[in-house]
Structure formats: structure tokens, C-alpha cells
Amino acid sequence: MEALETVLDPELGIDIVNLGLIYDVLTDDDYNVFVRMTLTTPFCPLSDHIIEMVEEALEKVDGLSETGIELTFEPAWHPEMLSRVARIALGFAKP
């Protein structure tokens, strides 16, 4: 999750973890990692770029063997998935 927190949404400038885009991070005994995630909209023009940034962030994690990413829109993302940090940054909540 720390590596994924380094991936910023290019439009919002907030990391994908606090945006609530990460649904699951699964690892196994062979140090393979699988990320199931979403985007704020299925029509995101930067989807390929965001996935590439996720792959790059995971490649920097020492000891991982293989990585996999599944992009899903079930359930659909909604603003309630934002963390408190993201809500404050976007002006939806007071500090």
C-alpha cells in the first residue's frame, strides 16, 4: 500500500489509495502481488497512464516476483470511498 500511495491521480493530485481506487492487494508465499482497482470513471482518459504508474510503483518494491493489476468498475467508484485526507484536500471536509 505504501508503494501505491506514491501514485498520484494526474488530475486531482491525490494518491490512488486515499482516493479509494484500490479495492484489494493480494500477495502469496512466492512474493507475487495482485492489485484490484478502479478509476473514478470508466471513461478516464488517463487510465493507461495511471495503470502504468501503478506498475512502476510496484516494480520499485524489493522482493516482489510478479505483479498483476485488474481494473474493474464493480462496484463503481463514488465519492464516499474518499479517505478523510482526500476529502479535506478536495474541500469536502474541514481539517
Protein backbone atom coordinates (compact mmCIF):
# COMPACT_ATOMS: atom_id res chain seq x y z
CA MET A 1 0.00 0.00 0.00
CA GLU A 2 2.90 2.36 0.68
CA ALA A 3 4.08 1.98 -2.90
CA LEU A 4 0.57 2.64 -4.20
CA GLU A 5 0.35 5.81 -2.09
CA THR A 6 3.11 7.24 -4.30
CA VAL A 7 0.83 7.07 -7.35
CA LEU A 8 -0.96 10.39 -7.76
CA ASP A 9 -4.03 10.90 -9.86
CA PRO A 10 -2.72 13.31 -12.53
CA GLU A 11 -5.85 15.44 -12.49
CA LEU A 12 -6.56 15.57 -8.77
CA GLY A 13 -3.01 15.37 -7.34
CA ILE A 14 -4.14 12.91 -4.65
CA ASP A 15 -2.83 9.39 -4.32
CA ILE A 16 -4.93 6.49 -5.53
CA VAL A 17 -5.14 4.89 -2.09
CA ASN A 18 -6.73 7.95 -0.48
CA LEU A 19 -8.99 8.36 -3.49
CA GLY A 20 -10.38 4.92 -2.68
CA LEU A 21 -9.34 3.41 -6.02
CA ILE A 22 -7.65 0.35 -4.53
CA TYR A 23 -10.09 -2.46 -3.79
CA ASP A 24 -7.68 -5.32 -2.96
CA VAL A 25 -3.97 -6.03 -2.68
CA LEU A 26 -3.29 -9.74 -2.51
CA THR A 27 0.07 -11.42 -2.05
CA ASP A 28 1.15 -15.03 -1.96
CA ASP A 29 4.05 -17.00 -0.49
CA ASP A 30 6.08 -16.52 -3.68
CA TYR A 31 6.00 -12.72 -3.32
CA ASN A 32 3.60 -12.22 -6.18
CA VAL A 33 1.21 -9.32 -5.77
CA PHE A 34 -2.16 -8.74 -7.37
CA VAL A 35 -3.95 -5.39 -7.23
CA ARG A 36 -7.65 -5.00 -7.95
CA MET A 37 -8.51 -1.36 -8.51
CA THR A 38 -10.88 1.05 -10.18
CA LEU A 39 -10.88 4.57 -11.54
CA THR A 40 -13.22 7.43 -10.75
CA THR A 41 -14.89 6.89 -14.12
CA PRO A 42 -14.78 4.13 -16.73
CA PHE A 43 -14.13 6.84 -19.34
CA CYS A 44 -10.99 8.21 -17.68
CA PRO A 45 -8.71 9.45 -20.48
CA LEU A 46 -5.66 8.80 -18.31
CA SER A 47 -6.47 5.18 -17.43
CA ASP A 48 -3.48 3.73 -19.31
CA HIS A 49 -1.16 6.25 -17.69
CA ILE A 50 -2.47 5.52 -14.19
CA ILE A 51 -2.09 1.75 -14.70
CA GLU A 52 1.45 2.32 -15.94
CA MET A 53 2.24 4.38 -12.82
CA VAL A 54 0.85 1.58 -10.62
CA GLU A 55 3.05 -0.97 -12.41
CA GLU A 56 6.10 1.28 -11.98
CA ALA A 57 5.38 1.79 -8.28
CA LEU A 58 5.06 -1.96 -7.72
CA GLU A 59 8.30 -2.64 -9.63
CA LYS A 60 10.14 -0.49 -7.08
CA VAL A 61 9.09 -2.76 -4.20
CA ASP A 62 12.03 -5.00 -3.30
CA GLY A 63 11.39 -8.71 -3.30
CA LEU A 64 8.25 -8.88 -5.42
CA SER A 65 8.32 -11.65 -8.03
CA GLU A 66 5.41 -10.84 -10.30
CA THR A 67 2.64 -8.29 -10.28
CA GLY A 68 -0.83 -8.23 -11.72
CA ILE A 69 -3.42 -5.50 -11.96
CA GLU A 70 -7.12 -5.91 -12.56
CA LEU A 71 -9.09 -2.83 -13.47
CA THR A 72 -12.74 -3.17 -12.50
CA PHE A 73 -15.77 -0.95 -12.26
CA GLU A 74 -17.77 -3.24 -10.00
CA PRO A 75 -18.56 -1.74 -7.63
CA ALA A 76 -18.49 1.64 -9.27
CA TRP A 77 -16.37 4.27 -7.53
CA HIS A 78 -18.23 7.02 -5.67
CA PRO A 79 -17.06 9.95 -3.51
CA GLU A 80 -17.88 8.11 -0.28
CA MET A 81 -14.78 5.99 -1.00
CA LEU A 82 -12.53 9.02 -0.42
CA SER A 83 -10.44 8.93 2.74
CA ARG A 84 -10.68 11.80 5.19
CA VAL A 85 -7.33 13.08 3.86
CA ALA A 86 -8.72 13.20 0.32
CA ARG A 87 -11.97 14.81 1.46
CA ILE A 88 -10.03 17.59 3.17
CA ALA A 89 -7.73 18.04 0.16
CA LEU A 90 -10.69 18.29 -2.19
CA GLY A 91 -12.60 20.65 0.10
CA PHE A 92 -15.35 18.18 1.04
CA ALA A 93 -14.40 18.23 4.74
CA LYS A 94 -12.77 20.61 7.19
CA PRO A 95 -9.41 19.74 8.78
